[in-house]
Structures are given as C-alpha cells and as structure tokens.
C-alpha atoms as a PDB file:
ATOM      1  CA  MET A   1      84.165  88.719  79.576  1.00  0.00           C
ATOM      2  CA  LYS A   2      85.858  86.616  76.962  1.00  0.00           C
ATOM      3  CA  PHE A   3      89.568  86.474  76.337  1.00  0.00           C
ATOM      4  CA  SER A   4      91.104  85.251  73.147  1.00  0.00           C
ATOM      5  CA  GLU A   5      93.419  82.275  73.379  1.00  0.00           C
ATOM      6  CA  LYS A   6      96.326  84.625  72.632  1.00  0.00           C
ATOM      7  CA  SER A   7      95.349  86.926  75.521  1.00  0.00           C
ATOM      8  CA  LEU A   8      95.055  84.044  77.966  1.00  0.00           C
ATOM      9  CA  ILE A   9      98.484  82.783  76.972  1.00  0.00           C
ATOM     10  CA  ARG A  10      99.898  86.287  77.545  1.00  0.00           C
ATOM     11  CA  ILE A  11      98.313  86.487  80.991  1.00  0.00           C
ATOM     12  CA  ILE A  12      99.771  83.105  81.962  1.00  0.00           C
ATOM     13  CA  ILE A  13     103.212  84.114  80.683  1.00  0.00           C
ATOM     14  CA  ILE A  14     103.069  87.377  82.648  1.00  0.00           C
ATOM     15  CA  GLY A  15     102.200  85.483  85.810  1.00  0.00           C
ATOM     16  CA  ILE A  16     105.097  83.114  85.303  1.00  0.00           C
ATOM     17  CA  LEU A  17     107.505  85.976  84.573  1.00  0.00           C
ATOM     18  CA  LEU A  18     106.406  88.040  87.584  1.00  0.00           C
ATOM     19  CA  LEU A  19     106.625  85.200  90.092  1.00  0.00           C
ATOM     20  CA  PRO A  20     110.422  85.403  90.482  1.00  0.00           C
ATOM     21  CA  LEU A  21     110.262  89.176  91.099  1.00  0.00           C
ATOM     22  CA  SER A  22     108.902  88.593  94.589  1.00  0.00           C
ATOM     23  CA  LYS A  23     112.105  86.727  95.474  1.00  0.00           C
ATOM     24  CA  ILE A  24     114.578  89.350  94.201  1.00  0.00           C
ATOM     25  CA  PRO A  25     116.290  91.353  96.952  1.00  0.00           C
ATOM     26  CA  ALA A  26     116.424  95.122  96.570  1.00  0.00           C
ATOM     27  CA  PHE A  27     120.006  95.869  95.578  1.00  0.00           C
ATOM     28  CA  SER A  28     121.577  99.265  95.471  1.00  0.00           C
ATOM     29  CA  VAL A  29     124.907 100.240  94.037  1.00  0.00           C
ATOM     30  CA  ASN A  30     127.593  98.348  95.974  1.00  0.00           C
ATOM     31  CA  SER A  31     125.146  96.145  97.912  1.00  0.00           C
ATOM     32  CA  LYS A  32     126.776  93.613 100.213  1.00  0.00           C
ATOM     33  CA  LEU A  33     125.454  90.131 100.850  1.00  0.00           C
ATOM     34  CA  THR A  34     127.087  87.876 103.396  1.00  0.00           C
ATOM     35  CA  TYR A  35     126.824  84.107 103.218  1.00  0.00           C
ATOM     36  CA  GLY A  36     128.679  82.333 105.981  1.00  0.00           C
ATOM     37  CA  GLU A  37     132.147  83.856 106.113  1.00  0.00           C
ATOM     38  CA  LYS A  38     132.120  85.337 102.613  1.00  0.00           C
ATOM     39  CA  THR A  39     130.841  88.783 101.717  1.00  0.00           C
ATOM     40  CA  HIS A  40     129.873  89.430  98.119  1.00  0.00           C
ATOM     41  CA  ILE A  41     129.720  92.985  96.812  1.00  0.00           C
ATOM     42  CA  PHE A  42     127.413  93.738  93.923  1.00  0.00           C
ATOM     43  CA  ASP A  43     128.098  96.863  91.918  1.00  0.00           C
ATOM     44  CA  LEU A  44     124.653  97.209  90.372  1.00  0.00           C
ATOM     45  CA  GLN A  45     123.041 100.237  88.846  1.00  0.00           C
ATOM     46  CA  PRO A  46     119.438 100.743  89.904  1.00  0.00           C
ATOM     47  CA  VAL A  47     116.805  99.544  87.456  1.00  0.00           C
ATOM     48  CA  SER A  48     115.126 102.439  85.711  1.00  0.00           C
ATOM     49  CA  GLY A  49     111.392 103.066  85.777  1.00  0.00           C
ATOM     50  CA  GLU A  50     111.447 103.027  81.987  1.00  0.00           C
ATOM     51  CA  LYS A  51     112.983  99.560  81.888  1.00  0.00           C
ATOM     52  CA  ILE A  52     110.512  98.173  84.434  1.00  0.00           C
ATOM     53  CA  TYR A  53     107.605  99.764  82.582  1.00  0.00           C
ATOM     54  CA  LYS A  54     108.692  98.467  79.193  1.00  0.00           C
ATOM     55  CA  THR A  55     109.428  94.933  80.408  1.00  0.00           C
ATOM     56  CA  GLN A  56     106.618  94.488  82.921  1.00  0.00           C
ATOM     57  CA  CYS A  57     103.787  97.019  82.481  1.00  0.00           C
ATOM     58  CA  GLY A  58     103.843  97.869  78.797  1.00  0.00           C
ATOM     59  CA  PHE A  59     103.223  94.269  77.825  1.00  0.00           C
ATOM     60  CA  CYS A  60      99.605  94.541  78.985  1.00  0.00           C
ATOM     61  CA  HIS A  61      98.991  98.287  78.763  1.00  0.00           C
ATOM     62  CA  THR A  62     100.469  99.149  75.362  1.00  0.00           C
ATOM     63  CA  SER A  63     100.608  95.976  73.319  1.00  0.00           C
ATOM     64  CA  GLU A  64      98.820  95.689  70.004  1.00  0.00           C
ATOM     65  CA  GLU A  65      96.140  93.531  71.595  1.00  0.00           C
ATOM     66  CA  LEU A  66      95.463  95.295  74.896  1.00  0.00           C
ATOM     67  CA  ILE A  67      94.854  93.031  77.861  1.00  0.00           C
ATOM     68  CA  ALA A  68      94.667  96.023  80.202  1.00  0.00           C
ATOM     69  CA  PRO A  69      93.510  99.620  79.708  1.00  0.00           C
ATOM     70  CA  ASP A  70      95.712 101.894  77.596  1.00  0.00           C
ATOM     71  CA  MET A  71      98.297 103.554  79.857  1.00  0.00           C
ATOM     72  CA  ASN A  72      98.041 106.919  78.089  1.00  0.00           C
ATOM     73  CA  LYS A  73      94.345 107.088  78.997  1.00  0.00           C
ATOM     74  CA  ILE A  74      95.033 105.976  82.568  1.00  0.00           C
ATOM     75  CA  LYS A  75      97.726 108.646  82.844  1.00  0.00           C
ATOM     76  CA  SER A  76      95.322 111.289  81.575  1.00  0.00           C
ATOM     77  CA  ALA A  77      92.747 110.344  84.222  1.00  0.00           C
ATOM     78  CA  TYR A  78      95.387 110.617  86.971  1.00  0.00           C
ATOM     79  CA  LEU A  79      96.654 113.962  85.643  1.00  0.00           C
ATOM     80  CA  ASP A  80      93.096 115.331  85.668  1.00  0.00           C
ATOM     81  CA  LYS A  81      92.749 114.534  89.367  1.00  0.00           C
ATOM     82  CA  TYR A  82      96.324 114.884  90.675  1.00  0.00           C
ATOM     83  CA  LYS A  83      97.873 118.194  89.657  1.00  0.00           C
ATOM     84  CA  THR A  84     101.357 117.771  91.145  1.00  0.00           C
ATOM     85  CA  LYS A  85     103.995 115.188  90.331  1.00  0.00           C
ATOM     86  CA  ASP A  86     104.180 114.023  93.958  1.00  0.00           C
ATOM     87  CA  ALA A  87     100.409 113.545  94.206  1.00  0.00           C
ATOM     88  CA  PHE A  88     100.334 111.726  90.850  1.00  0.00           C
ATOM     89  CA  VAL A  89     103.173 109.371  91.825  1.00  0.00           C
ATOM     90  CA  LYS A  90     101.652 108.641  95.234  1.00  0.00           C
ATOM     91  CA  ALA A  91      98.231 107.873  93.728  1.00  0.00           C
ATOM     92  CA  VAL A  92      99.659 105.532  91.073  1.00  0.00           C
ATOM     93  CA  ILE A  93     101.684 103.682  93.700  1.00  0.00           C
ATOM     94  CA  GLU A  94      98.658 103.288  95.965  1.00  0.00           C
ATOM     95  CA  PHE A  95      96.567 101.881  93.123  1.00  0.00           C
ATOM     96  CA  VAL A  96      99.231  99.373  92.069  1.00  0.00           C
ATOM     97  CA  LYS A  97      99.595  98.230  95.683  1.00  0.00           C
ATOM     98  CA  ASN A  98      95.850  97.552  95.879  1.00  0.00           C
ATOM     99  CA  PRO A  99      94.447  97.357  92.344  1.00  0.00           C
ATOM    100  CA  ASN A 100      90.705  96.953  91.983  1.00  0.00           C
ATOM    101  CA  LYS A 101      87.905  98.408  89.912  1.00  0.00           C
ATOM    102  CA  LYS A 102      86.534 100.396  92.842  1.00  0.00           C
ATOM    103  CA  ASN A 103      89.806 102.337  93.197  1.00  0.00           C
ATOM    104  CA  ALA A 104      90.440 102.821  89.471  1.00  0.00           C
ATOM    105  CA  LEU A 105      90.275 106.365  88.118  1.00  0.00           C
ATOM    106  CA  TYR A 106      89.940 105.458  84.452  1.00  0.00           C
ATOM    107  CA  LYS A 107      86.456 103.968  84.757  1.00  0.00           C
ATOM    108  CA  GLU A 108      85.861 103.628  81.004  1.00  0.00           C
ATOM    109  CA  GLY A 109      88.862 101.340  80.664  1.00  0.00           C
ATOM    110  CA  ILE A 110      88.084  98.927  83.474  1.00  0.00           C
ATOM    111  CA  GLU A 111      84.731  97.853  82.098  1.00  0.00           C
ATOM    112  CA  ASN A 112      86.372  95.617  79.508  1.00  0.00           C
ATOM    113  CA  PHE A 113      89.167  94.159  81.624  1.00  0.00           C
ATOM    114  CA  ALA A 114      89.582  92.010  84.700  1.00  0.00           C
ATOM    115  CA  ASP A 115      91.097  93.502  87.861  1.00  0.00           C
ATOM    116  CA  MET A 116      94.829  93.998  87.638  1.00  0.00           C
ATOM    117  CA  PRO A 117      96.678  91.432  89.754  1.00  0.00           C
ATOM    118  CA  LYS A 118      98.765  92.674  92.662  1.00  0.00           C
ATOM    119  CA  MET A 119     102.296  93.176  91.429  1.00  0.00           C
ATOM    120  CA  PRO A 120     105.308  92.043  93.467  1.00  0.00           C
ATOM    121  CA  PHE A 121     107.265  95.281  93.093  1.00  0.00           C
ATOM    122  CA  LYS A 122     109.150  97.029  95.836  1.00  0.00           C
ATOM    123  CA  GLU A 123     108.283 100.620  96.808  1.00  0.00           C
ATOM    124  CA  THR A 124     111.363 102.002  95.038  1.00  0.00           C
ATOM    125  CA  GLN A 125     110.441 100.179  91.841  1.00  0.00           C
ATOM    126  CA  LEU A 126     106.858 101.464  91.972  1.00  0.00           C
ATOM    127  CA  LYS A 127     108.101 105.001  92.511  1.00  0.00           C
ATOM    128  CA  ALA A 128     110.502 104.720  89.564  1.00  0.00           C
ATOM    129  CA  VAL A 129     107.732 103.455  87.280  1.00  0.00           C
ATOM    130  CA  ALA A 130     105.213 106.093  88.425  1.00  0.00           C
ATOM    131  CA  ASN A 131     107.803 108.835  87.827  1.00  0.00           C
ATOM    132  CA  TYR A 132     108.523 107.416  84.374  1.00  0.00           C
ATOM    133  CA  ILE A 133     104.806 107.371  83.516  1.00  0.00           C
ATOM    134  CA  TYR A 134     104.437 110.964  84.743  1.00  0.00           C
ATOM    135  CA  LYS A 135     107.314 112.334  82.662  1.00  0.00           C
ATOM    136  CA  SER A 136     106.736 110.288  79.470  1.00  0.00           C
ATOM    137  CA  SER A 137     104.876 111.953  76.653  1.00  0.00           C
ATOM    138  CA  GLU A 138     103.707 108.721  74.971  1.00  0.00           C
ATOM    139  CA  LEU A 139     103.640 105.288  76.542  1.00  0.00           C
END
C-alpha cells in the first residue's frame, strides 16, 4: 500500500496531536484537583462527541483525501448488524478499543487502508463519539 507524501504527513501530525490526549485527566463539571495544600476547582463542561469526532476522527474519516474508510459507510455497516442504539454504541466502542482488520465490519473499506491505531480516549469520550456517530445523518 502506498501513501502519498501528504497522507504520510497527516498521519504523523495525527500521532503527534493524539499523544497528549493520553495524559489528560477526565474532568467533569466542578472537578477538584489537589496539589499539596491547595485545591483547584475546574468548572468545565464535558467535551461533546461531535467536537471529539470533528477534531480527532473526522480528519482521517471524512477529509477530502481519505486516509481511513469513509465514516458514513462504516456507520451503515454497523447499523446493518446492530439494530439498537445501545448495541451500535457498544460495538463501535469495542472496535475503537481494539481496532484491527479482523474485527472490522466494513470489509470493503479496510482493504485500502492500514489498521487504525489504538486511540487514547477514555470510555466516556468513546461513548460520546459513538452516540454522535449514531445520531448524525451525515458525517
């Protein structure tokens, strides 16, 4: 499989951008962190599945020059097999936790792409993204 120079640069950039995600703590609204004697309160709104998808997933799955299978086609394959929202979300999460060609449902799409790297997302982030994919009409 050959990648264009532009695609390889995108893959490297994605890897660099995703690296810090593994170090980010999971904050909820009004999270408290204590360092020594000081407690810091963070009033953060949870990150939406749409925002994570558009900033992390969509880059590869919906860009003009696809470097991963089209997400609309992946979604269609999951909807064909998983008829309920809960089953769909669970299956997407399980694939993203352990992505490989053997476990992929959209077989036509994986023939032209390398295995997806494991993503450093937390369970709540994966669930938010899977729910966003399920409810979105066009990705």
